[in-house]
Amino acid sequence: MKWGDFFSIMERIGGRYFLFGGIAFLIFYVLFRNRWAYKKIQRKFPRSKDYIREIGYSIITIAIFTSVTVFFVKNPPVTQYTFYYRDIAQHGWFYFFAIFPLLFIIHDTYFYWMHRWMHLPSVFPIFHKVHHLSTNPSPWAAYAFHPLEAVVEAGILPVFLFTLPIHFLHLLVFFLVMIVYNVYGHLGWELYPAGFNKTVVGKWINTSFNHNQHHQFFKGNYGLYFTFWDRMMGTIRPDYDQKFGELGTRSA
């Protein structure tokens, strides 16, 4: 392993986390905290020690994500057996763009079933309890995982690399969108408009309110980007649509 590769990738992964988490925290938890407090999904704010815990575990997660990336992408004895490629012309521009929706569908499927597994009584205390210490999450909770959960979360990378031709830019864009949506999911405020959850498209899109309910009540709402699996498997919380609507009617 080249330490230059490790620190370069860690800077990229950590930079995204602190950039988008920091912007979200600054806007919602500092600058407009009081003005927008009435719209906060859970009215209370986390304590300072909660933010510190979330950031601390996130730094560990960033180091683990970096190690997994280096092992599979910067390690020739392993990389040679993957479908990782660097020349876009090898598979063409149509494939390059067409694969993006598939990446998010695959990840959402991976996340849903992995997430449900981690909620099994025998698994939860070992893998997932740390993340659920954030019952009222902030943007810093996006990567606040136990190290074992971080390894499982990082498993989506080898899934991609060993099943699909994957370009460096695929990974760059995918993980950029992933952290943005992860920060939004833990934001504590809903950004989609009232009634979005009942539109033709919005019914299938995961929301910050949806994931906040999961953190608050621990059961149901296991998806990441979409609600496909939750609605198909009957694990979406029965009060989700009603409570989402009530949030939209709040006034200062």
C-alpha atoms as a PDB file:
ATOM      1  CA  MET A   1       0.000   0.000   0.000  1.00  0.00           C
ATOM      2  CA  LYS A   2       1.216   3.474  -0.873  1.00  0.00           C
ATOM      3  CA  TRP A   3       0.573   5.895   1.978  1.00  0.00           C
ATOM      4  CA  GLY A   4       0.163   8.662  -0.576  1.00  0.00           C
ATOM      5  CA  ASP A   5      -2.862   6.832  -1.996  1.00  0.00           C
ATOM      6  CA  PHE A   6      -4.276   6.292   1.485  1.00  0.00           C
ATOM      7  CA  PHE A   7      -4.055   9.920   2.546  1.00  0.00           C
ATOM      8  CA  SER A   8      -5.278  11.196  -0.828  1.00  0.00           C
ATOM      9  CA  ILE A   9      -8.404   9.022  -0.675  1.00  0.00           C
ATOM     10  CA  MET A  10      -8.960   9.771   3.006  1.00  0.00           C
ATOM     11  CA  GLU A  11      -8.763  13.480   2.244  1.00  0.00           C
ATOM     12  CA  ARG A  12     -11.371  13.047  -0.487  1.00  0.00           C
ATOM     13  CA  ILE A  13     -13.785  10.996   1.636  1.00  0.00           C
ATOM     14  CA  GLY A  14     -13.285  13.097   4.750  1.00  0.00           C
ATOM     15  CA  GLY A  15     -13.432  16.322   2.779  1.00  0.00           C
ATOM     16  CA  ARG A  16     -16.872  15.439   1.408  1.00  0.00           C
ATOM     17  CA  TYR A  17     -18.153  14.564   4.877  1.00  0.00           C
ATOM     18  CA  PHE A  18     -16.906  17.728   6.546  1.00  0.00           C
ATOM     19  CA  LEU A  19     -17.843  19.955   3.595  1.00  0.00           C
ATOM     20  CA  PHE A  20     -21.471  18.891   3.211  1.00  0.00           C
ATOM     21  CA  GLY A  21     -22.014  18.020   6.871  1.00  0.00           C
ATOM     22  CA  GLY A  22     -20.452  21.331   7.851  1.00  0.00           C
ATOM     23  CA  ILE A  23     -22.530  23.393   5.409  1.00  0.00           C
ATOM     24  CA  ALA A  24     -25.741  21.707   6.574  1.00  0.00           C
ATOM     25  CA  PHE A  25     -24.811  22.143  10.234  1.00  0.00           C
ATOM     26  CA  LEU A  26     -23.866  25.795   9.764  1.00  0.00           C
ATOM     27  CA  ILE A  27     -27.102  26.658   7.966  1.00  0.00           C
ATOM     28  CA  PHE A  28     -29.604  24.701  10.050  1.00  0.00           C
ATOM     29  CA  TYR A  29     -27.961  24.423  13.462  1.00  0.00           C
ATOM     30  CA  VAL A  30     -26.209  27.804  13.686  1.00  0.00           C
ATOM     31  CA  LEU A  31     -27.313  30.553  11.293  1.00  0.00           C
ATOM     32  CA  PHE A  32     -31.042  29.770  11.041  1.00  0.00           C
ATOM     33  CA  ARG A  33     -31.413  27.576  14.117  1.00  0.00           C
ATOM     34  CA  ASN A  34     -34.013  29.782  15.831  1.00  0.00           C
ATOM     35  CA  ARG A  35     -35.789  31.012  12.711  1.00  0.00           C
ATOM     36  CA  TRP A  36     -36.418  27.496  11.396  1.00  0.00           C
ATOM     37  CA  ALA A  37     -36.746  25.670  14.740  1.00  0.00           C
ATOM     38  CA  TYR A  38     -40.522  25.270  14.341  1.00  0.00           C
ATOM     39  CA  LYS A  39     -39.909  23.120  11.242  1.00  0.00           C
ATOM     40  CA  LYS A  40     -37.405  20.801  12.889  1.00  0.00           C
ATOM     41  CA  ILE A  41     -38.685  17.221  12.686  1.00  0.00           C
ATOM     42  CA  GLN A  42     -37.934  16.592  16.356  1.00  0.00           C
ATOM     43  CA  ARG A  43     -38.289  19.897  18.170  1.00  0.00           C
ATOM     44  CA  LYS A  44     -35.371  19.335  20.538  1.00  0.00           C
ATOM     45  CA  PHE A  45     -31.772  19.771  19.457  1.00  0.00           C
ATOM     46  CA  PRO A  46     -29.027  17.222  20.121  1.00  0.00           C
ATOM     47  CA  ARG A  47     -26.524  18.007  22.857  1.00  0.00           C
ATOM     48  CA  SER A  48     -22.953  19.102  22.177  1.00  0.00           C
ATOM     49  CA  LYS A  49     -21.659  15.716  23.293  1.00  0.00           C
ATOM     50  CA  ASP A  50     -23.879  14.082  20.665  1.00  0.00           C
ATOM     51  CA  TYR A  51     -22.201  16.080  17.910  1.00  0.00           C
ATOM     52  CA  ILE A  52     -18.773  15.180  19.289  1.00  0.00           C
ATOM     53  CA  ARG A  53     -19.674  11.463  19.420  1.00  0.00           C
ATOM     54  CA  GLU A  54     -21.035  11.539  15.867  1.00  0.00           C
ATOM     55  CA  ILE A  55     -17.940  13.254  14.480  1.00  0.00           C
ATOM     56  CA  GLY A  56     -15.617  10.935  16.402  1.00  0.00           C
ATOM     57  CA  TYR A  57     -17.198   7.753  15.039  1.00  0.00           C
ATOM     58  CA  SER A  58     -17.403   9.334  11.585  1.00  0.00           C
ATOM     59  CA  ILE A  59     -13.641   9.909  11.528  1.00  0.00           C
ATOM     60  CA  ILE A  60     -13.128   6.211  12.277  1.00  0.00           C
ATOM     61  CA  THR A  61     -15.595   5.358   9.501  1.00  0.00           C
ATOM     62  CA  ILE A  62     -13.726   7.596   7.066  1.00  0.00           C
ATOM     63  CA  ALA A  63     -10.486   5.735   7.852  1.00  0.00           C
ATOM     64  CA  ILE A  64     -12.218   2.376   7.289  1.00  0.00           C
ATOM     65  CA  PHE A  65     -13.843   3.516   4.031  1.00  0.00           C
ATOM     66  CA  THR A  66     -10.398   4.691   2.906  1.00  0.00           C
ATOM     67  CA  SER A  67      -8.771   1.357   3.770  1.00  0.00           C
ATOM     68  CA  VAL A  68     -11.423  -0.607   1.867  1.00  0.00           C
ATOM     69  CA  THR A  69     -11.071   1.667  -1.165  1.00  0.00           C
ATOM     70  CA  VAL A  70      -7.279   1.361  -1.179  1.00  0.00           C
ATOM     71  CA  PHE A  71      -7.489  -2.429  -0.866  1.00  0.00           C
ATOM     72  CA  PHE A  72      -9.865  -2.882  -3.798  1.00  0.00           C
ATOM     73  CA  VAL A  73      -8.911   0.005  -6.102  1.00  0.00           C
ATOM     74  CA  LYS A  74      -5.209   0.661  -5.427  1.00  0.00           C
ATOM     75  CA  ASN A  75      -4.048  -2.899  -4.815  1.00  0.00           C
ATOM     76  CA  PRO A  76      -3.076  -4.552  -8.152  1.00  0.00           C
ATOM     77  CA  PRO A  77      -3.241  -8.190  -6.889  1.00  0.00           C
ATOM     78  CA  VAL A  78      -6.916  -7.564  -6.085  1.00  0.00           C
ATOM     79  CA  THR A  79      -7.842  -4.887  -8.615  1.00  0.00           C
ATOM     80  CA  GLN A  80      -6.858  -7.111 -11.542  1.00  0.00           C
ATOM     81  CA  TYR A  81      -9.796  -9.382 -10.731  1.00  0.00           C
ATOM     82  CA  THR A  82     -12.341  -6.551 -10.644  1.00  0.00           C
ATOM     83  CA  PHE A  83     -14.149  -4.798 -13.511  1.00  0.00           C
ATOM     84  CA  TYR A  84     -12.546  -1.459 -12.626  1.00  0.00           C
ATOM     85  CA  TYR A  85     -11.500   0.490 -15.729  1.00  0.00           C
ATOM     86  CA  ARG A  86     -10.033   3.914 -16.514  1.00  0.00           C
ATOM     87  CA  ASP A  87     -10.700   4.468 -20.225  1.00  0.00           C
ATOM     88  CA  ILE A  88     -14.296   5.570 -20.841  1.00  0.00           C
ATOM     89  CA  ALA A  89     -13.974   4.544 -24.489  1.00  0.00           C
ATOM     90  CA  GLN A  90     -13.598   0.933 -23.349  1.00  0.00           C
ATOM     91  CA  HIS A  91     -17.348   0.707 -22.705  1.00  0.00           C
ATOM     92  CA  GLY A  92     -18.554   3.916 -24.341  1.00  0.00           C
ATOM     93  CA  TRP A  93     -20.344   7.025 -23.174  1.00  0.00           C
ATOM     94  CA  PHE A  94     -23.824   5.483 -23.326  1.00  0.00           C
ATOM     95  CA  TYR A  95     -22.847   2.826 -20.815  1.00  0.00           C
ATOM     96  CA  PHE A  96     -21.010   5.406 -18.718  1.00  0.00           C
ATOM     97  CA  PHE A  97     -24.173   7.454 -18.145  1.00  0.00           C
ATOM     98  CA  ALA A  98     -26.726   4.628 -18.271  1.00  0.00           C
ATOM     99  CA  ILE A  99     -25.169   2.785 -15.334  1.00  0.00           C
ATOM    100  CA  PHE A 100     -25.714   5.557 -12.776  1.00  0.00           C
ATOM    101  CA  PRO A 101     -29.383   4.757 -12.004  1.00  0.00           C
ATOM    102  CA  LEU A 102     -28.428   1.096 -11.640  1.00  0.00           C
ATOM    103  CA  LEU A 103     -25.729   1.955  -9.096  1.00  0.00           C
ATOM    104  CA  PHE A 104     -28.239   3.665  -6.833  1.00  0.00           C
ATOM    105  CA  ILE A 105     -30.816   0.886  -7.223  1.00  0.00           C
ATOM    106  CA  ILE A 106     -28.184  -1.719  -6.332  1.00  0.00           C
ATOM    107  CA  HIS A 107     -26.994   0.296  -3.355  1.00  0.00           C
ATOM    108  CA  ASP A 108     -30.527   0.882  -2.105  1.00  0.00           C
ATOM    109  CA  THR A 109     -31.200  -2.867  -2.293  1.00  0.00           C
ATOM    110  CA  TYR A 110     -27.921  -3.687  -0.561  1.00  0.00           C
ATOM    111  CA  PHE A 111     -28.591  -1.101   2.137  1.00  0.00           C
ATOM    112  CA  TYR A 112     -32.183  -2.168   2.804  1.00  0.00           C
ATOM    113  CA  TRP A 113     -31.390  -5.830   3.401  1.00  0.00           C
ATOM    114  CA  MET A 114     -28.120  -5.118   5.216  1.00  0.00           C
ATOM    115  CA  HIS A 115     -29.973  -2.609   7.391  1.00  0.00           C
ATOM    116  CA  ARG A 116     -32.730  -5.054   8.269  1.00  0.00           C
ATOM    117  CA  TRP A 117     -30.114  -7.687   9.105  1.00  0.00           C
ATOM    118  CA  MET A 118     -28.407  -5.261  11.469  1.00  0.00           C
ATOM    119  CA  HIS A 119     -31.698  -4.792  13.309  1.00  0.00           C
ATOM    120  CA  LEU A 120     -31.878  -8.462  14.258  1.00  0.00           C
ATOM    121  CA  PRO A 121     -31.735  -8.674  18.082  1.00  0.00           C
ATOM    122  CA  SER A 122     -28.529 -10.722  18.002  1.00  0.00           C
ATOM    123  CA  VAL A 123     -26.801  -8.355  15.566  1.00  0.00           C
ATOM    124  CA  PHE A 124     -28.035  -4.902  16.570  1.00  0.00           C
ATOM    125  CA  PRO A 125     -25.959  -4.408  19.764  1.00  0.00           C
ATOM    126  CA  ILE A 126     -22.747  -5.402  17.988  1.00  0.00           C
ATOM    127  CA  PHE A 127     -23.071  -3.606  14.663  1.00  0.00           C
ATOM    128  CA  HIS A 128     -25.777  -0.953  14.679  1.00  0.00           C
ATOM    129  CA  LYS A 129     -26.344   0.339  18.208  1.00  0.00           C
ATOM    130  CA  VAL A 130     -23.688   3.056  17.888  1.00  0.00           C
ATOM    131  CA  HIS A 131     -25.509   4.640  14.947  1.00  0.00           C
ATOM    132  CA  HIS A 132     -28.787   4.548  16.864  1.00  0.00           C
ATOM    133  CA  LEU A 133     -27.309   6.455  19.777  1.00  0.00           C
ATOM    134  CA  SER A 134     -28.347   9.359  17.553  1.00  0.00           C
ATOM    135  CA  THR A 135     -32.073   9.105  18.275  1.00  0.00           C
ATOM    136  CA  ASN A 136     -32.315  12.742  17.213  1.00  0.00           C
ATOM    137  CA  PRO A 137     -29.664  12.811  14.465  1.00  0.00           C
ATOM    138  CA  SER A 138     -27.709  15.752  13.116  1.00  0.00           C
ATOM    139  CA  PRO A 139     -25.837  15.984   9.785  1.00  0.00           C
ATOM    140  CA  TRP A 140     -22.730  14.702  11.599  1.00  0.00           C
ATOM    141  CA  ALA A 141     -24.481  11.341  12.114  1.00  0.00           C
ATOM    142  CA  ALA A 142     -24.129  10.517   8.401  1.00  0.00           C
ATOM    143  CA  TYR A 143     -21.035   8.367   9.011  1.00  0.00           C
ATOM    144  CA  ALA A 144     -21.387   7.756  12.765  1.00  0.00           C
ATOM    145  CA  PHE A 145     -21.017   3.968  12.604  1.00  0.00           C
ATOM    146  CA  HIS A 146     -19.443   1.319  14.781  1.00  0.00           C
ATOM    147  CA  PRO A 147     -16.271   0.095  12.990  1.00  0.00           C
ATOM    148  CA  LEU A 148     -17.939  -3.247  12.202  1.00  0.00           C
ATOM    149  CA  GLU A 149     -20.901  -1.488  10.646  1.00  0.00           C
ATOM    150  CA  ALA A 150     -18.530   0.746   8.696  1.00  0.00           C
ATOM    151  CA  VAL A 151     -16.948  -2.367   7.143  1.00  0.00           C
ATOM    152  CA  VAL A 152     -20.378  -3.708   6.155  1.00  0.00           C
ATOM    153  CA  GLU A 153     -21.443  -0.312   4.795  1.00  0.00           C
ATOM    154  CA  ALA A 154     -18.254  -0.209   2.702  1.00  0.00           C
ATOM    155  CA  GLY A 155     -19.205  -3.589   1.218  1.00  0.00           C
ATOM    156  CA  ILE A 156     -21.096  -1.852  -1.564  1.00  0.00           C
ATOM    157  CA  LEU A 157     -17.750  -0.987  -3.179  1.00  0.00           C
ATOM    158  CA  PRO A 158     -16.637  -4.586  -3.849  1.00  0.00           C
ATOM    159  CA  VAL A 159     -20.205  -5.404  -4.898  1.00  0.00           C
ATOM    160  CA  PHE A 160     -19.855  -2.820  -7.653  1.00  0.00           C
ATOM    161  CA  LEU A 161     -16.291  -3.718  -8.575  1.00  0.00           C
ATOM    162  CA  PHE A 162     -16.920  -7.453  -8.933  1.00  0.00           C
ATOM    163  CA  THR A 163     -20.240  -7.253 -10.779  1.00  0.00           C
ATOM    164  CA  LEU A 164     -20.125  -4.249 -13.142  1.00  0.00           C
ATOM    165  CA  PRO A 165     -17.576  -2.434 -15.283  1.00  0.00           C
ATOM    166  CA  ILE A 166     -16.972   0.581 -13.080  1.00  0.00           C
ATOM    167  CA  HIS A 167     -15.009   3.709 -13.886  1.00  0.00           C
ATOM    168  CA  PHE A 168     -13.214   6.019 -11.474  1.00  0.00           C
ATOM    169  CA  LEU A 169     -15.730   8.778 -12.274  1.00  0.00           C
ATOM    170  CA  HIS A 170     -18.617   6.428 -11.492  1.00  0.00           C
ATOM    171  CA  LEU A 171     -17.228   6.005  -8.004  1.00  0.00           C
ATOM    172  CA  LEU A 172     -16.467   9.706  -7.626  1.00  0.00           C
ATOM    173  CA  VAL A 173     -19.982  10.835  -8.581  1.00  0.00           C
ATOM    174  CA  PHE A 174     -21.738   7.990  -6.799  1.00  0.00           C
ATOM    175  CA  PHE A 175     -20.050   8.546  -3.437  1.00  0.00           C
ATOM    176  CA  LEU A 176     -20.498  12.303  -3.772  1.00  0.00           C
ATOM    177  CA  VAL A 177     -24.256  11.911  -4.214  1.00  0.00           C
ATOM    178  CA  MET A 178     -24.313   9.290  -1.467  1.00  0.00           C
ATOM    179  CA  ILE A 179     -22.828  11.577   1.198  1.00  0.00           C
ATOM    180  CA  VAL A 180     -25.064  14.478   0.138  1.00  0.00           C
ATOM    181  CA  TYR A 181     -28.177  12.310   0.482  1.00  0.00           C
ATOM    182  CA  ASN A 182     -26.863  10.811   3.704  1.00  0.00           C
ATOM    183  CA  VAL A 183     -26.379  14.268   5.221  1.00  0.00           C
ATOM    184  CA  TYR A 184     -29.887  15.210   4.078  1.00  0.00           C
ATOM    185  CA  GLY A 185     -31.282  12.002   5.591  1.00  0.00           C
ATOM    186  CA  HIS A 186     -29.838  12.912   8.985  1.00  0.00           C
ATOM    187  CA  LEU A 187     -30.464  16.652   8.681  1.00  0.00           C
ATOM    188  CA  GLY A 188     -33.335  16.929  11.141  1.00  0.00           C
ATOM    189  CA  TRP A 189     -35.372  19.069   8.723  1.00  0.00           C
ATOM    190  CA  GLU A 190     -37.430  18.057   5.718  1.00  0.00           C
ATOM    191  CA  LEU A 191     -36.491  19.786   2.460  1.00  0.00           C
ATOM    192  CA  TYR A 192     -39.125  18.274   0.190  1.00  0.00           C
ATOM    193  CA  PRO A 193     -42.397  20.244   0.019  1.00  0.00           C
ATOM    194  CA  ALA A 194     -45.609  19.268   1.788  1.00  0.00           C
ATOM    195  CA  GLY A 195     -47.442  16.510  -0.057  1.00  0.00           C
ATOM    196  CA  PHE A 196     -44.305  15.313  -1.853  1.00  0.00           C
ATOM    197  CA  ASN A 197     -44.659  11.849  -0.319  1.00  0.00           C
ATOM    198  CA  LYS A 198     -47.993  11.346  -2.077  1.00  0.00           C
ATOM    199  CA  THR A 199     -46.941  12.398  -5.561  1.00  0.00           C
ATOM    200  CA  VAL A 200     -46.342   9.841  -8.301  1.00  0.00           C
ATOM    201  CA  VAL A 201     -42.568  10.177  -7.917  1.00  0.00           C
ATOM    202  CA  GLY A 202     -42.317  11.264  -4.288  1.00  0.00           C
ATOM    203  CA  LYS A 203     -44.101   8.160  -3.053  1.00  0.00           C
ATOM    204  CA  TRP A 204     -41.006   6.163  -3.977  1.00  0.00           C
ATOM    205  CA  ILE A 205     -38.341   8.622  -2.814  1.00  0.00           C
ATOM    206  CA  ASN A 206     -36.912   8.392   0.698  1.00  0.00           C
ATOM    207  CA  THR A 207     -37.057  11.562   2.752  1.00  0.00           C
ATOM    208  CA  SER A 208     -35.291  13.044   5.736  1.00  0.00           C
ATOM    209  CA  PHE A 209     -38.529  12.693   7.697  1.00  0.00           C
ATOM    210  CA  ASN A 210     -38.704   9.008   6.791  1.00  0.00           C
ATOM    211  CA  HIS A 211     -35.198   8.305   8.078  1.00  0.00           C
ATOM    212  CA  ASN A 212     -35.678  10.513  11.118  1.00  0.00           C
ATOM    213  CA  GLN A 213     -38.616   8.334  12.131  1.00  0.00           C
ATOM    214  CA  HIS A 214     -36.327   5.319  11.875  1.00  0.00           C
ATOM    215  CA  HIS A 215     -33.818   6.914  14.255  1.00  0.00           C
ATOM    216  CA  GLN A 216     -36.534   7.965  16.654  1.00  0.00           C
ATOM    217  CA  PHE A 217     -38.473   4.692  16.817  1.00  0.00           C
ATOM    218  CA  PHE A 218     -35.853   2.124  15.640  1.00  0.00           C
ATOM    219  CA  LYS A 219     -38.331   0.100  13.569  1.00  0.00           C
ATOM    220  CA  GLY A 220     -39.490   0.524   9.989  1.00  0.00           C
ATOM    221  CA  ASN A 221     -38.254   2.815   7.217  1.00  0.00           C
ATOM    222  CA  TYR A 222     -35.088   0.867   6.378  1.00  0.00           C
ATOM    223  CA  GLY A 223     -34.428   2.277   2.894  1.00  0.00           C
ATOM    224  CA  LEU A 224     -31.777   4.766   1.807  1.00  0.00           C
ATOM    225  CA  TYR A 225     -32.675   6.529  -1.455  1.00  0.00           C
ATOM    226  CA  PHE A 226     -36.034   4.970  -2.191  1.00  0.00           C
ATOM    227  CA  THR A 227     -39.060   3.520  -0.428  1.00  0.00           C
ATOM    228  CA  PHE A 228     -39.482   0.642  -2.920  1.00  0.00           C
ATOM    229  CA  TRP A 229     -38.400  -2.106  -0.562  1.00  0.00           C
ATOM    230  CA  ASP A 230     -40.140  -0.657   2.491  1.00  0.00           C
ATOM    231  CA  ARG A 231     -43.451  -0.407   0.651  1.00  0.00           C
ATOM    232  CA  MET A 232     -43.063  -3.837  -0.990  1.00  0.00           C
ATOM    233  CA  MET A 233     -42.060  -5.577   2.243  1.00  0.00           C
ATOM    234  CA  GLY A 234     -44.533  -3.755   4.468  1.00  0.00           C
ATOM    235  CA  THR A 235     -41.834  -2.147   6.608  1.00  0.00           C
ATOM    236  CA  ILE A 236     -42.687   1.474   5.986  1.00  0.00           C
ATOM    237  CA  ARG A 237     -44.078   2.974   9.187  1.00  0.00           C
ATOM    238  CA  PRO A 238     -47.886   3.105   9.008  1.00  0.00           C
ATOM    239  CA  ASP A 239     -47.906   6.694  10.255  1.00  0.00           C
ATOM    240  CA  TYR A 240     -45.259   7.947   7.817  1.00  0.00           C
ATOM    241  CA  ASP A 241     -47.549   9.560   5.251  1.00  0.00           C
ATOM    242  CA  GLN A 242     -49.820  11.103   7.876  1.00  0.00           C
ATOM    243  CA  LYS A 243     -46.972  12.528   9.965  1.00  0.00           C
ATOM    244  CA  PHE A 244     -45.156  13.821   6.867  1.00  0.00           C
ATOM    245  CA  GLY A 245     -48.304  15.758   6.003  1.00  0.00           C
ATOM    246  CA  GLU A 246     -48.618  17.149   9.523  1.00  0.00           C
ATOM    247  CA  LEU A 247     -45.035  18.407   9.408  1.00  0.00           C
ATOM    248  CA  GLY A 248     -45.864  20.456   6.320  1.00  0.00           C
ATOM    249  CA  THR A 249     -48.683  22.283   8.130  1.00  0.00           C
ATOM    250  CA  ARG A 250     -46.533  23.562  11.017  1.00  0.00           C
ATOM    251  CA  SER A 251     -46.368  27.318  11.409  1.00  0.00           C
ATOM    252  CA  ALA A 252     -44.045  29.536  13.399  1.00  0.00           C
END
